[in-house]
């Protein structure tokens, strides 16, 4: 299966952006934890209209150490919103594991924040480990390709469906 994502950079995070800030205080304290409800809070502390401006398939890029402690709610909300992939210089180990758990594609790619800007159209090829900036033709950045187990978990729809499939086999 080919794992190529094309989309607009909907948001560009800086270094050390903590995942709890994605939903903000309102999202973190909302008693309705359903991702379909939480998606209305994604990045509204920075841009109140962000969820309405977001287009399904858009992607996010980030600097170093993206993520934090309660990221599972933020990740599920971004997934419900329609984020196709998150490309970061590096991720906190917690967010990296949880993104794989929920089948939200993530790619570590050194130099991504200098390579692309908010609004650029990118193509992210997980198999080849390449990010192409379609806004600037010919611009390409090499990244680490996704590992086989990560791709299998993505294809299965997350860790739980993956494990069910393995147990049934």
Foldseek 3Di string as FASTA:
>chain_A
DWDKAKAFALEEAEAPAELVPQQPPCLVPPPPLQLLVSLQRGPCVPPVCSLVPDDARHAHEYEHAPYHDPNLSSLSNVVSSRHQEYEYCYYNVVVVQSCLQQLRHYFRFHPVNVQDDGGWMWMATQQQQKIAGPVDPPRMGHGHHDDPVSVLQNVLRGDVSSVVVVVVD
